[in-house]
Protein backbone atom coordinates (compact mmCIF):
# COMPACT_ATOMS: atom_id res chain seq x y z
CA UNK A 1 18.63 -22.23 9.39
CA UNK A 2 17.29 -23.33 12.76
CA UNK A 3 15.23 -20.69 14.56
CA UNK A 4 16.75 -20.38 18.02
CA UNK A 5 16.81 -17.77 20.77
CA UNK A 6 20.54 -17.43 20.17
CA UNK A 7 19.92 -16.51 16.53
CA UNK A 8 17.21 -14.04 17.54
CA UNK A 9 19.49 -12.43 20.12
CA UNK A 10 22.22 -12.04 17.51
CA UNK A 11 19.82 -10.30 15.12
CA UNK A 12 18.70 -7.99 17.94
CA UNK A 13 22.30 -6.98 18.62
CA UNK A 14 22.80 -6.22 14.93
CA UNK A 15 19.65 -4.06 14.83
CA UNK A 16 20.66 -2.12 17.96
CA UNK A 17 24.19 -1.55 16.67
CA UNK A 18 22.85 -0.29 13.34
CA UNK A 19 20.45 1.99 15.17
CA UNK A 20 23.27 3.45 17.24
CA UNK A 21 24.99 4.46 14.01
CA UNK A 22 21.96 6.50 12.94
CA UNK A 23 21.66 8.60 16.10
CA UNK A 24 24.62 10.98 15.60
CA UNK A 25 23.23 11.75 12.14
CA UNK A 26 19.68 12.16 13.47
CA UNK A 27 20.79 14.50 16.22
CA UNK A 28 22.76 16.75 13.85
CA UNK A 29 22.24 18.35 10.48
CA UNK A 30 22.06 16.01 7.51
CA UNK A 31 21.48 16.07 3.78
CA UNK A 32 18.48 14.43 2.15
CA UNK A 33 18.74 12.92 -1.32
CA UNK A 34 15.88 11.76 -3.54
CA UNK A 35 15.93 8.26 -5.00
CA UNK A 36 14.61 7.28 -8.42
CA UNK A 37 11.18 6.48 -6.91
CA UNK A 38 11.04 9.96 -5.30
CA UNK A 39 11.50 8.54 -1.80
CA UNK A 40 13.97 10.27 0.51
CA UNK A 41 17.41 8.90 1.40
CA UNK A 42 19.74 10.05 4.17
CA UNK A 43 23.24 9.17 5.35
CA UNK A 44 21.59 7.22 8.16
CA UNK A 45 19.85 4.83 5.73
CA UNK A 46 23.21 3.97 4.19
CA UNK A 47 25.11 3.75 7.49
CA UNK A 48 22.55 1.30 8.87
CA UNK A 49 22.50 -0.69 5.63
CA UNK A 50 26.25 -1.22 5.56
CA UNK A 51 26.39 -2.17 9.24
CA UNK A 52 23.57 -4.70 8.93
CA UNK A 53 24.85 -6.22 5.69
CA UNK A 54 28.33 -6.78 7.12
CA UNK A 55 27.06 -8.23 10.41
CA UNK A 56 24.56 -10.61 8.77
CA UNK A 57 27.23 -11.81 6.36
CA UNK A 58 29.41 -12.68 9.35
CA UNK A 59 26.48 -14.33 11.17
CA UNK A 60 25.27 -16.45 8.22
CA UNK A 61 27.56 -16.07 5.20
CA UNK A 62 25.53 -18.39 2.97
CA UNK A 63 22.16 -16.67 3.51
CA UNK A 64 21.19 -14.14 0.82
CA UNK A 65 20.17 -10.63 1.79
CA UNK A 66 17.57 -8.31 0.27
CA UNK A 67 17.75 -4.73 1.53
CA UNK A 68 15.98 -1.55 0.49
CA UNK A 69 19.36 0.12 0.08
CA UNK A 70 21.10 -2.88 -1.48
CA UNK A 71 21.67 -3.63 -5.13
CA UNK A 72 18.70 -4.72 -7.22
CA UNK A 73 18.41 -8.51 -7.43
CA UNK A 74 16.55 -10.06 -10.39
CA UNK A 75 13.54 -12.23 -9.63
CA UNK A 76 15.14 -15.10 -11.54
CA UNK A 77 17.72 -15.14 -8.77
CA UNK A 78 15.39 -14.37 -5.86
CA UNK A 79 12.88 -17.01 -6.91
CA UNK A 80 15.44 -19.69 -6.04
CA UNK A 81 15.72 -18.52 -2.45
CA UNK A 82 13.97 -20.61 0.18
CA UNK A 83 15.57 -18.55 2.96
CA UNK A 84 16.91 -15.00 3.06
CA UNK A 85 17.28 -11.88 5.19
CA UNK A 86 14.86 -9.07 4.35
CA UNK A 87 16.05 -5.70 5.64
CA UNK A 88 14.79 -2.15 5.87
CA UNK A 89 17.83 -0.32 7.27
CA UNK A 90 15.73 2.70 8.20
CA UNK A 91 11.97 2.53 7.98
CA UNK A 92 10.24 5.85 8.33
CA UNK A 93 12.78 8.09 6.64
CA UNK A 94 10.17 10.86 6.60
CA UNK A 95 9.77 10.42 10.37
CA UNK A 96 13.56 10.66 10.63
CA UNK A 97 13.63 13.85 8.56
CA UNK A 98 10.80 15.37 10.61
CA UNK A 99 12.58 14.33 13.84
CA UNK A 100 9.53 12.86 15.55
CA UNK A 101 11.49 9.81 16.82
CA UNK A 102 9.25 7.23 15.07
CA UNK A 103 11.75 5.58 12.74
CA UNK A 104 12.98 2.00 13.00
CA UNK A 105 15.64 -0.50 12.02
CA UNK A 106 14.07 -3.68 10.62
CA UNK A 107 15.57 -7.13 10.08
CA UNK A 108 13.52 -10.24 9.21
CA UNK A 109 14.33 -13.79 8.27
CA UNK A 110 12.07 -15.19 5.54
CA UNK A 111 11.64 -18.93 5.02
CA UNK A 112 9.46 -20.27 2.22
CA UNK A 113 7.69 -16.93 1.83
CA UNK A 114 6.92 -16.49 5.54
CA UNK A 115 8.56 -14.13 8.05
CA UNK A 116 9.76 -16.45 10.84
CA UNK A 117 12.00 -14.10 12.85
CA UNK A 118 12.11 -10.35 13.22
CA UNK A 119 13.65 -7.47 15.14
CA UNK A 120 12.36 -3.88 15.10
CA UNK A 121 14.48 -1.28 16.88
CA UNK A 122 13.51 2.36 17.39
CA UNK A 123 16.85 4.13 18.06
CA UNK A 124 15.45 7.49 19.20
CA UNK A 125 13.11 5.69 21.63
CA UNK A 126 15.78 3.12 22.54
CA UNK A 127 13.15 0.41 22.37
CA UNK A 128 13.42 -3.01 20.77
CA UNK A 129 10.65 -5.42 19.76
CA UNK A 130 11.60 -8.91 18.64
CA UNK A 131 10.12 -12.33 18.12
CA UNK A 132 10.24 -15.60 16.25
CA UNK A 133 8.00 -18.48 15.31
CA UNK A 134 7.55 -20.99 18.14
CA UNK A 135 9.59 -18.82 20.51
CA UNK A 136 7.34 -15.85 21.30
CA UNK A 137 7.74 -12.08 21.26
CA UNK A 138 9.36 -9.56 23.61
CA UNK A 139 9.99 -5.87 24.20
CA UNK A 140 12.95 -4.17 25.83
CA UNK A 141 13.32 -0.48 26.58
CA UNK A 142 16.91 0.70 26.97
CA UNK A 143 18.83 -1.56 29.33
CA UNK A 144 15.65 -2.54 31.14
CA UNK A 145 14.08 -5.92 31.62
CA UNK A 146 13.07 -8.01 28.63
CA UNK A 147 9.29 -8.27 28.79
CA UNK A 148 7.17 -10.85 26.95
CA UNK A 149 4.42 -9.30 24.83
CA UNK A 150 1.20 -10.63 23.38
CA UNK A 151 -1.78 -9.23 21.52
CA UNK A 152 -4.89 -8.28 23.48
CA UNK A 153 -8.60 -8.89 23.05
CA UNK A 154 -10.02 -6.30 20.66
CA UNK A 155 -12.01 -3.37 21.95
CA UNK A 156 -14.71 -4.03 19.38
CA UNK A 157 -17.10 -1.32 20.65
CA UNK A 158 -14.47 1.32 19.89
CA UNK A 159 -11.43 -0.38 18.32
CA UNK A 160 -8.04 1.27 18.50
CA UNK A 161 -7.16 1.85 14.85
CA UNK A 162 -3.63 2.66 13.74
CA UNK A 163 -3.43 5.33 11.11
CA UNK A 164 -0.25 6.42 9.44
CA UNK A 165 1.29 9.82 10.07
CA UNK A 166 2.45 10.00 6.45
CA UNK A 167 -0.11 8.01 4.42
CA UNK A 168 -3.89 8.63 4.52
CA UNK A 169 -5.40 7.41 1.25
CA UNK A 170 -8.98 7.81 0.05
CA UNK A 171 -9.46 4.08 0.61
CA UNK A 172 -8.46 4.45 4.27
CA UNK A 173 -10.91 7.31 4.69
CA UNK A 174 -13.64 5.08 3.21
CA UNK A 175 -12.68 2.26 5.59
CA UNK A 176 -12.85 4.55 8.61
CA UNK A 177 -16.24 5.82 7.47
CA UNK A 178 -17.53 2.22 7.49
CA UNK A 179 -16.69 1.80 11.18
CA UNK A 180 -19.39 2.76 13.71
CA UNK A 181 -16.84 4.23 16.10
CA UNK A 182 -13.10 3.96 16.67
CA UNK A 183 -10.21 5.41 18.60
CA UNK A 184 -7.49 6.65 16.22
CA UNK A 185 -3.86 5.99 17.12
CA UNK A 186 -1.32 7.92 15.06
CA UNK A 187 1.97 6.12 14.57
CA UNK A 188 4.79 6.04 12.05
CA UNK A 189 6.91 3.32 10.42
CA UNK A 190 6.77 -0.36 11.45
CA UNK A 191 5.97 0.69 15.02
CA UNK A 192 2.34 0.10 14.07
CA UNK A 193 2.87 -3.68 14.05
CA UNK A 194 4.69 -3.50 17.39
CA UNK A 195 1.92 -1.52 19.09
CA UNK A 196 -0.56 -4.24 18.15
CA UNK A 197 1.91 -6.94 19.22
CA UNK A 198 2.14 -5.48 22.72
CA UNK A 199 -1.64 -5.17 23.04
CA UNK A 200 -1.89 -1.36 22.76
CA UNK A 201 -3.90 -1.28 19.51
CA UNK A 202 -6.31 -3.52 17.64
CA UNK A 203 -6.17 -2.93 13.90
CA UNK A 204 -3.83 -1.53 11.24
CA UNK A 205 -5.28 -1.32 7.71
CA UNK A 206 -2.88 -0.37 4.94
CA UNK A 207 -4.79 0.20 1.71
CA UNK A 208 -1.93 1.61 -0.31
CA UNK A 209 1.50 0.64 -1.61
CA UNK A 210 4.23 -0.70 0.65
CA UNK A 211 7.37 -2.67 -0.11
CA UNK A 212 8.06 -6.08 1.37
CA UNK A 213 10.95 -4.79 3.48
CA UNK A 214 8.55 -2.26 5.06
CA UNK A 215 6.45 -5.00 6.65
CA UNK A 216 8.50 -8.18 7.14
CA UNK A 217 10.14 -7.56 10.53
CA UNK A 218 7.02 -6.06 12.10
CA UNK A 219 4.96 -8.89 10.61
CA UNK A 220 7.30 -11.45 12.22
CA UNK A 221 7.04 -9.77 15.63
CA UNK A 222 3.26 -9.47 15.46
CA UNK A 223 2.87 -13.07 14.35
CA UNK A 224 5.12 -14.25 17.20
CA UNK A 225 2.94 -12.26 19.62
CA UNK A 226 -0.20 -14.06 18.39
CA UNK A 227 -1.37 -11.61 15.74
CA UNK A 228 -2.06 -11.69 12.02
CA UNK A 229 -1.19 -9.89 8.79
CA UNK A 230 -3.39 -10.76 5.81
CA UNK A 231 -4.20 -9.43 2.39
CA UNK A 232 -7.61 -7.95 1.57
CA UNK A 233 -9.00 -11.46 1.03
CA UNK A 234 -7.84 -12.75 4.39
CA UNK A 235 -4.88 -14.73 3.08
CA UNK A 236 -1.59 -14.52 5.04
CA UNK A 237 0.73 -11.91 3.55
CA UNK A 238 3.61 -13.65 1.79
CA UNK A 239 7.00 -12.58 0.48
CA UNK A 240 9.11 -12.98 -2.65
CA UNK A 241 6.41 -14.74 -4.66
CA UNK A 242 6.38 -12.42 -7.70
CA UNK A 243 8.83 -10.24 -9.58
CA UNK A 244 7.37 -7.22 -7.77
CA UNK A 245 8.52 -6.34 -4.26
CA UNK A 246 5.32 -4.39 -3.57
CA UNK A 247 2.70 -5.69 -1.16
CA UNK A 248 -0.98 -5.80 -1.93
CA UNK A 249 -3.40 -4.04 0.42
CA UNK A 250 -3.15 -5.65 3.83
CA UNK A 251 -4.53 -5.51 7.34
CA UNK A 252 -2.78 -6.32 10.62
CA UNK A 253 -4.64 -7.19 13.81
CA UNK A 254 -4.32 -9.03 17.08
CA UNK A 255 -7.72 -10.58 17.80
CA UNK A 256 -9.10 -12.81 15.03
CA UNK A 257 -12.55 -13.14 16.60
CA UNK A 258 -13.65 -9.89 14.97
CA UNK A 259 -14.38 -9.55 11.23
CA UNK A 260 -11.76 -6.95 10.35
CA UNK A 261 -12.07 -7.73 6.65
CA UNK A 262 -15.62 -6.40 6.56
CA UNK A 263 -14.43 -2.79 6.80
CA UNK A 264 -12.31 -2.91 3.64
CA UNK A 265 -14.00 -0.93 0.84
CA UNK A 266 -14.85 -2.99 -2.24
């Protein structure tokens, strides 16, 4: 599939439409189920999933889809895919349940293991981040102007470090202890990638489990804005290369002139 602005705009419309379907649920009372992996599930996850799946099928009927809320697809099948949609219909379900507004709709296009196009929409904030390889990255708030975004030079004397609202592992605490000084930025869901992409933070270490759909869209946006997402050895994070859909430890950052890998505990 050719990566064009028209394709990117179509994916953005799909993400915004799916997000609109979550808001009436978010603003009311809703039930929370527990999935087999003990993660929470709401009606909003499913509403967004069905909307995205139907719209992407209409947009590109021959392109496979892999969604957190979709049916399980064996690796023998997935391993044959050179191109597919990777979807997290609602990232930050705990943020959704806690009603702190920091949940997102995430759609990415993966080609040959790399995220080449992505849209991240925060319905409660009515803000959209999107980008694609060779095209660039942008941000739009509500019906406002579409603004180009890019990563900023790191504040290396006191870097702005993104820490999760919901996940603070022992390894992260060790990493923070290795830094001489830092400014913590608390943020939920895939918004962490977007904050780096627009130059408002420097570094996001994730030294714990995530699934590939958690990271792909934000990864695509950050990459399009000039940033990086690597594993703990500095290799670009890749997708659909093993039978597991779990990512290794990773770090995301905007400025590659600083040795961000040096803070990772051994």
